[in-house]
Amino acid sequence: MSQLFSPRADSRLRAFGIIGAAFLVLALVVAFALSRSDGAWGVGTPAAQPIPFSHAIHAGRVGLDCRFCHATVEHAASAGMPTAETCLGCHSQVWNVTAQFAPLETALALGTPVTWASVHRLPEHVRFHHAAHIGAGLTCAQCHGPVETMPRTVKVETQSMGWCLDCHREAQPQSAALVAASYAQLGVEVPPLANCSTCHR
């Protein structure tokens, strides 16, 4: 019986196998790197808003306190977004450009909330409470960057799980109950704020 494949065919098959495996590993490394890049997390990318809004003007030049628009930041999980009444309360008297404020007037007339696009939206499985962080002494800029300089609001940090954990591992718990919640997992001391149930329920 004659030989179907030449000896060279076997060596070529091995070479293709090695090259294919190397290419697969390289593709996985590149995919992992891209998924962890700032672009994948939306860092530096502004979200389209219903009206042109500039923190550089409102928080920077005018000097409005963050709590004027984000009224629930000190006592609720959500910081809150400004309502049409909040915006038009000022802009009915100052710089009233009708075309730009039409979405606000429509929301006010229909009794619906303004559809702001969140720049810092966390996944649904993450439990985050603004008031707890403000109460622990964090400033807005520590997570959101220098918003008072931003003509269009962008993320300055990934706000990934790893980024949050870096801060939580260094933080000192504010209550005795949290201090008591510290435990060891497989011989490794887990700080109470790095416990999974702190952010995930």
C-alpha atoms as a PDB file:
ATOM      1  CA  MET A   1       0.000   0.000   0.000  1.00  0.00           C
ATOM      2  CA  SER A   2       1.385   3.394  -0.974  1.00  0.00           C
ATOM      3  CA  GLN A   3       1.894   6.150   1.584  1.00  0.00           C
ATOM      4  CA  LEU A   4      -0.883   8.794   1.546  1.00  0.00           C
ATOM      5  CA  PHE A   5       1.111  11.664   3.078  1.00  0.00           C
ATOM      6  CA  SER A   6       4.734  12.496   2.594  1.00  0.00           C
ATOM      7  CA  PRO A   7       7.065  12.924   5.609  1.00  0.00           C
ATOM      8  CA  ARG A   8       7.030  16.675   4.897  1.00  0.00           C
ATOM      9  CA  ALA A   9       3.245  16.770   5.404  1.00  0.00           C
ATOM     10  CA  ASP A  10       3.680  15.641   9.028  1.00  0.00           C
ATOM     11  CA  SER A  11       6.203  18.393   9.781  1.00  0.00           C
ATOM     12  CA  ARG A  12       3.973  20.987   8.074  1.00  0.00           C
ATOM     13  CA  LEU A  13       1.009  19.883  10.191  1.00  0.00           C
ATOM     14  CA  ARG A  14       3.084  20.281  13.357  1.00  0.00           C
ATOM     15  CA  ALA A  15       4.255  23.742  12.219  1.00  0.00           C
ATOM     16  CA  PHE A  16       0.674  24.833  11.480  1.00  0.00           C
ATOM     17  CA  GLY A  17      -0.414  23.507  14.878  1.00  0.00           C
ATOM     18  CA  ILE A  18       2.298  25.478  16.697  1.00  0.00           C
ATOM     19  CA  ILE A  19       1.618  28.653  14.688  1.00  0.00           C
ATOM     20  CA  GLY A  20      -2.150  28.253  15.217  1.00  0.00           C
ATOM     21  CA  ALA A  21      -1.721  27.798  18.984  1.00  0.00           C
ATOM     22  CA  ALA A  22       0.612  30.822  19.172  1.00  0.00           C
ATOM     23  CA  PHE A  23      -1.877  32.921  17.178  1.00  0.00           C
ATOM     24  CA  LEU A  24      -4.731  31.847  19.486  1.00  0.00           C
ATOM     25  CA  VAL A  25      -2.724  32.784  22.606  1.00  0.00           C
ATOM     26  CA  LEU A  26      -1.798  36.139  21.045  1.00  0.00           C
ATOM     27  CA  ALA A  27      -5.448  36.819  20.110  1.00  0.00           C
ATOM     28  CA  LEU A  28      -6.570  36.038  23.678  1.00  0.00           C
ATOM     29  CA  VAL A  29      -3.892  38.330  25.165  1.00  0.00           C
ATOM     30  CA  VAL A  30      -4.881  41.184  22.822  1.00  0.00           C
ATOM     31  CA  ALA A  31      -8.603  40.667  23.562  1.00  0.00           C
ATOM     32  CA  PHE A  32      -7.916  40.705  27.309  1.00  0.00           C
ATOM     33  CA  ALA A  33      -5.793  43.870  27.026  1.00  0.00           C
ATOM     34  CA  LEU A  34      -8.471  45.633  24.964  1.00  0.00           C
ATOM     35  CA  SER A  35     -11.211  44.650  27.420  1.00  0.00           C
ATOM     36  CA  ARG A  36      -9.180  46.215  30.249  1.00  0.00           C
ATOM     37  CA  SER A  37      -8.302  49.400  28.343  1.00  0.00           C
ATOM     38  CA  ASP A  38      -9.693  52.846  29.173  1.00  0.00           C
ATOM     39  CA  GLY A  39     -11.643  52.885  25.925  1.00  0.00           C
ATOM     40  CA  ALA A  40     -13.545  49.746  26.885  1.00  0.00           C
ATOM     41  CA  TRP A  41     -14.550  51.400  30.175  1.00  0.00           C
ATOM     42  CA  GLY A  42     -15.594  54.631  28.448  1.00  0.00           C
ATOM     43  CA  VAL A  43     -12.833  56.716  30.051  1.00  0.00           C
ATOM     44  CA  GLY A  44     -12.599  60.093  28.337  1.00  0.00           C
ATOM     45  CA  THR A  45     -15.765  59.548  26.275  1.00  0.00           C
ATOM     46  CA  PRO A  46     -18.591  62.044  26.888  1.00  0.00           C
ATOM     47  CA  ALA A  47     -22.201  60.856  26.790  1.00  0.00           C
ATOM     48  CA  ALA A  48     -24.756  62.610  24.577  1.00  0.00           C
ATOM     49  CA  GLN A  49     -27.031  64.716  26.798  1.00  0.00           C
ATOM     50  CA  PRO A  50     -30.527  66.065  26.026  1.00  0.00           C
ATOM     51  CA  ILE A  51     -29.225  69.619  26.344  1.00  0.00           C
ATOM     52  CA  PRO A  52     -25.675  70.988  26.030  1.00  0.00           C
ATOM     53  CA  PHE A  53     -24.425  71.139  29.617  1.00  0.00           C
ATOM     54  CA  SER A  54     -21.024  72.270  30.890  1.00  0.00           C
ATOM     55  CA  HIS A  55     -19.739  71.581  34.390  1.00  0.00           C
ATOM     56  CA  ALA A  56     -16.913  74.014  33.556  1.00  0.00           C
ATOM     57  CA  ILE A  57     -19.484  76.822  33.438  1.00  0.00           C
ATOM     58  CA  HIS A  58     -21.849  75.731  36.225  1.00  0.00           C
ATOM     59  CA  ALA A  59     -19.420  74.258  38.796  1.00  0.00           C
ATOM     60  CA  GLY A  60     -16.335  76.140  37.570  1.00  0.00           C
ATOM     61  CA  ARG A  61     -17.115  79.674  36.407  1.00  0.00           C
ATOM     62  CA  VAL A  62     -20.433  80.173  38.272  1.00  0.00           C
ATOM     63  CA  GLY A  63     -19.265  78.140  41.306  1.00  0.00           C
ATOM     64  CA  LEU A  64     -22.429  76.131  41.935  1.00  0.00           C
ATOM     65  CA  ASP A  65     -22.065  73.513  44.665  1.00  0.00           C
ATOM     66  CA  CYS A  66     -22.473  69.918  43.402  1.00  0.00           C
ATOM     67  CA  ARG A  67     -25.417  69.470  45.783  1.00  0.00           C
ATOM     68  CA  PHE A  68     -27.439  72.154  44.005  1.00  0.00           C
ATOM     69  CA  CYS A  69     -28.066  69.771  41.090  1.00  0.00           C
ATOM     70  CA  HIS A  70     -27.186  66.443  42.752  1.00  0.00           C
ATOM     71  CA  ALA A  71     -29.455  67.049  45.730  1.00  0.00           C
ATOM     72  CA  THR A  72     -29.566  63.550  47.242  1.00  0.00           C
ATOM     73  CA  VAL A  73     -25.822  62.824  47.284  1.00  0.00           C
ATOM     74  CA  GLU A  74     -25.524  63.245  51.073  1.00  0.00           C
ATOM     75  CA  HIS A  75     -28.417  61.007  52.127  1.00  0.00           C
ATOM     76  CA  ALA A  76     -29.199  58.500  49.352  1.00  0.00           C
ATOM     77  CA  ALA A  77     -27.601  55.836  47.211  1.00  0.00           C
ATOM     78  CA  SER A  78     -28.034  57.928  44.070  1.00  0.00           C
ATOM     79  CA  ALA A  79     -26.614  61.431  43.829  1.00  0.00           C
ATOM     80  CA  GLY A  80     -29.714  62.475  41.905  1.00  0.00           C
ATOM     81  CA  MET A  81     -29.850  64.320  38.615  1.00  0.00           C
ATOM     82  CA  PRO A  82     -31.205  67.837  38.134  1.00  0.00           C
ATOM     83  CA  THR A  83     -34.887  68.117  37.323  1.00  0.00           C
ATOM     84  CA  ALA A  84     -36.343  70.366  34.656  1.00  0.00           C
ATOM     85  CA  GLU A  85     -37.567  72.642  37.480  1.00  0.00           C
ATOM     86  CA  THR A  86     -34.015  72.970  38.830  1.00  0.00           C
ATOM     87  CA  CYS A  87     -32.582  73.958  35.459  1.00  0.00           C
ATOM     88  CA  LEU A  88     -35.415  76.231  34.370  1.00  0.00           C
ATOM     89  CA  GLY A  89     -35.616  77.861  37.800  1.00  0.00           C
ATOM     90  CA  CYS A  90     -32.394  79.658  36.897  1.00  0.00           C
ATOM     91  CA  HIS A  91     -32.576  79.619  33.121  1.00  0.00           C
ATOM     92  CA  SER A  92     -36.026  81.170  32.921  1.00  0.00           C
ATOM     93  CA  GLN A  93     -34.231  84.297  34.172  1.00  0.00           C
ATOM     94  CA  VAL A  94     -30.647  83.860  32.955  1.00  0.00           C
ATOM     95  CA  TRP A  95     -29.471  82.902  29.444  1.00  0.00           C
ATOM     96  CA  ASN A  96     -32.854  81.645  28.298  1.00  0.00           C
ATOM     97  CA  VAL A  97     -32.103  80.082  24.903  1.00  0.00           C
ATOM     98  CA  THR A  98     -35.441  78.542  23.951  1.00  0.00           C
ATOM     99  CA  ALA A  99     -34.196  76.034  21.374  1.00  0.00           C
ATOM    100  CA  GLN A 100     -31.620  74.528  23.748  1.00  0.00           C
ATOM    101  CA  PHE A 101     -34.033  74.226  26.660  1.00  0.00           C
ATOM    102  CA  ALA A 102     -36.901  72.711  24.639  1.00  0.00           C
ATOM    103  CA  PRO A 103     -36.280  69.174  26.041  1.00  0.00           C
ATOM    104  CA  LEU A 104     -36.520  70.586  29.586  1.00  0.00           C
ATOM    105  CA  GLU A 105     -39.722  72.479  28.838  1.00  0.00           C
ATOM    106  CA  THR A 106     -41.194  69.349  27.229  1.00  0.00           C
ATOM    107  CA  ALA A 107     -40.281  67.237  30.285  1.00  0.00           C
ATOM    108  CA  LEU A 108     -41.817  69.859  32.569  1.00  0.00           C
ATOM    109  CA  ALA A 109     -45.014  70.064  30.492  1.00  0.00           C
ATOM    110  CA  LEU A 110     -45.414  66.261  30.387  1.00  0.00           C
ATOM    111  CA  GLY A 111     -44.415  65.747  34.023  1.00  0.00           C
ATOM    112  CA  THR A 112     -41.642  63.337  33.031  1.00  0.00           C
ATOM    113  CA  PRO A 113     -38.033  63.282  34.240  1.00  0.00           C
ATOM    114  CA  VAL A 114     -35.242  64.676  32.087  1.00  0.00           C
ATOM    115  CA  THR A 115     -33.497  61.800  30.297  1.00  0.00           C
ATOM    116  CA  TRP A 116     -29.900  62.527  31.314  1.00  0.00           C
ATOM    117  CA  ALA A 117     -27.324  60.030  30.049  1.00  0.00           C
ATOM    118  CA  SER A 118     -25.258  58.685  32.934  1.00  0.00           C
ATOM    119  CA  VAL A 119     -21.502  58.893  32.449  1.00  0.00           C
ATOM    120  CA  HIS A 120     -20.746  56.874  35.594  1.00  0.00           C
ATOM    121  CA  ARG A 121     -23.315  54.066  35.383  1.00  0.00           C
ATOM    122  CA  LEU A 122     -22.323  50.982  37.382  1.00  0.00           C
ATOM    123  CA  PRO A 123     -23.561  47.463  36.543  1.00  0.00           C
ATOM    124  CA  GLU A 124     -26.865  46.370  38.085  1.00  0.00           C
ATOM    125  CA  HIS A 125     -25.144  43.782  40.320  1.00  0.00           C
ATOM    126  CA  VAL A 126     -23.129  46.486  42.106  1.00  0.00           C
ATOM    127  CA  ARG A 127     -24.576  48.100  45.221  1.00  0.00           C
ATOM    128  CA  PHE A 128     -23.197  51.617  45.584  1.00  0.00           C
ATOM    129  CA  HIS A 129     -24.227  54.303  48.068  1.00  0.00           C
ATOM    130  CA  HIS A 130     -23.118  57.914  47.547  1.00  0.00           C
ATOM    131  CA  ALA A 131     -24.038  58.966  51.091  1.00  0.00           C
ATOM    132  CA  ALA A 132     -21.774  56.276  52.608  1.00  0.00           C
ATOM    133  CA  HIS A 133     -18.818  57.566  50.602  1.00  0.00           C
ATOM    134  CA  ILE A 134     -19.534  61.241  51.347  1.00  0.00           C
ATOM    135  CA  GLY A 135     -19.943  60.315  55.033  1.00  0.00           C
ATOM    136  CA  ALA A 136     -16.522  58.601  54.952  1.00  0.00           C
ATOM    137  CA  GLY A 137     -14.961  61.891  53.837  1.00  0.00           C
ATOM    138  CA  LEU A 138     -14.496  61.281  50.118  1.00  0.00           C
ATOM    139  CA  THR A 139     -14.785  64.242  47.798  1.00  0.00           C
ATOM    140  CA  CYS A 140     -16.603  64.189  44.461  1.00  0.00           C
ATOM    141  CA  ALA A 141     -13.286  64.691  42.625  1.00  0.00           C
ATOM    142  CA  GLN A 142     -11.777  61.481  44.025  1.00  0.00           C
ATOM    143  CA  CYS A 143     -14.104  59.402  41.844  1.00  0.00           C
ATOM    144  CA  HIS A 144     -15.351  61.876  39.245  1.00  0.00           C
ATOM    145  CA  GLY A 145     -12.201  63.933  38.658  1.00  0.00           C
ATOM    146  CA  PRO A 146     -12.080  67.727  38.305  1.00  0.00           C
ATOM    147  CA  VAL A 147     -15.603  68.125  36.888  1.00  0.00           C
ATOM    148  CA  GLU A 148     -15.426  71.881  37.385  1.00  0.00           C
ATOM    149  CA  THR A 149     -12.977  71.975  34.458  1.00  0.00           C
ATOM    150  CA  MET A 150     -14.997  69.741  32.101  1.00  0.00           C
ATOM    151  CA  PRO A 151     -16.979  71.363  29.280  1.00  0.00           C
ATOM    152  CA  ARG A 152     -18.450  67.888  28.669  1.00  0.00           C
ATOM    153  CA  THR A 153     -18.500  65.394  31.523  1.00  0.00           C
ATOM    154  CA  VAL A 154     -16.283  62.346  31.041  1.00  0.00           C
ATOM    155  CA  LYS A 155     -15.069  59.458  33.181  1.00  0.00           C
ATOM    156  CA  VAL A 156     -11.533  59.940  34.442  1.00  0.00           C
ATOM    157  CA  GLU A 157     -11.290  56.540  36.158  1.00  0.00           C
ATOM    158  CA  THR A 158     -12.442  53.109  35.003  1.00  0.00           C
ATOM    159  CA  GLN A 159     -14.523  52.600  38.155  1.00  0.00           C
ATOM    160  CA  SER A 160     -13.873  48.906  37.671  1.00  0.00           C
ATOM    161  CA  MET A 161     -14.036  46.418  40.525  1.00  0.00           C
ATOM    162  CA  GLY A 162     -10.248  46.443  40.837  1.00  0.00           C
ATOM    163  CA  TRP A 163     -10.175  50.243  41.009  1.00  0.00           C
ATOM    164  CA  CYS A 164     -12.822  50.265  43.769  1.00  0.00           C
ATOM    165  CA  LEU A 165     -11.071  47.491  45.708  1.00  0.00           C
ATOM    166  CA  ASP A 166      -7.753  49.383  45.670  1.00  0.00           C
ATOM    167  CA  CYS A 167      -9.482  52.174  47.587  1.00  0.00           C
ATOM    168  CA  HIS A 168     -11.515  49.864  49.840  1.00  0.00           C
ATOM    169  CA  ARG A 169      -8.428  47.923  50.936  1.00  0.00           C
ATOM    170  CA  GLU A 170      -6.778  51.121  52.166  1.00  0.00           C
ATOM    171  CA  ALA A 171      -9.888  52.683  53.744  1.00  0.00           C
ATOM    172  CA  GLN A 172     -10.443  52.679  57.483  1.00  0.00           C
ATOM    173  CA  PRO A 173     -13.957  51.509  58.475  1.00  0.00           C
ATOM    174  CA  GLN A 174     -16.053  54.165  60.231  1.00  0.00           C
ATOM    175  CA  SER A 175     -18.082  51.827  62.456  1.00  0.00           C
ATOM    176  CA  ALA A 176     -17.198  49.204  65.071  1.00  0.00           C
ATOM    177  CA  ALA A 177     -19.507  46.716  63.329  1.00  0.00           C
ATOM    178  CA  LEU A 178     -17.391  46.932  60.167  1.00  0.00           C
ATOM    179  CA  VAL A 179     -14.148  46.534  62.114  1.00  0.00           C
ATOM    180  CA  ALA A 180     -15.578  43.360  63.680  1.00  0.00           C
ATOM    181  CA  ALA A 181     -16.506  42.115  60.206  1.00  0.00           C
ATOM    182  CA  SER A 182     -12.849  41.610  59.238  1.00  0.00           C
ATOM    183  CA  TYR A 183     -12.019  37.956  58.625  1.00  0.00           C
ATOM    184  CA  ALA A 184      -9.406  35.644  57.133  1.00  0.00           C
ATOM    185  CA  GLN A 185     -10.034  33.733  53.925  1.00  0.00           C
ATOM    186  CA  LEU A 186      -7.609  30.826  53.379  1.00  0.00           C
ATOM    187  CA  GLY A 187      -5.191  32.501  55.768  1.00  0.00           C
ATOM    188  CA  VAL A 188      -5.370  35.917  54.059  1.00  0.00           C
ATOM    189  CA  GLU A 189      -6.763  38.806  56.106  1.00  0.00           C
ATOM    190  CA  VAL A 190      -9.722  40.380  54.250  1.00  0.00           C
ATOM    191  CA  PRO A 191     -10.427  43.990  55.248  1.00  0.00           C
ATOM    192  CA  PRO A 192     -14.134  44.544  56.008  1.00  0.00           C
ATOM    193  CA  LEU A 193     -14.648  46.973  53.125  1.00  0.00           C
ATOM    194  CA  ALA A 194     -13.100  44.451  50.699  1.00  0.00           C
ATOM    195  CA  ASN A 195     -15.662  41.796  51.662  1.00  0.00           C
ATOM    196  CA  CYS A 196     -17.760  40.752  48.639  1.00  0.00           C
ATOM    197  CA  SER A 197     -21.046  41.506  50.431  1.00  0.00           C
ATOM    198  CA  THR A 198     -20.019  45.137  50.938  1.00  0.00           C
ATOM    199  CA  CYS A 199     -20.803  45.898  47.290  1.00  0.00           C
ATOM    200  CA  HIS A 200     -22.652  42.789  46.091  1.00  0.00           C
ATOM    201  CA  ARG A 201     -25.903  41.422  47.476  1.00  0.00           C
END
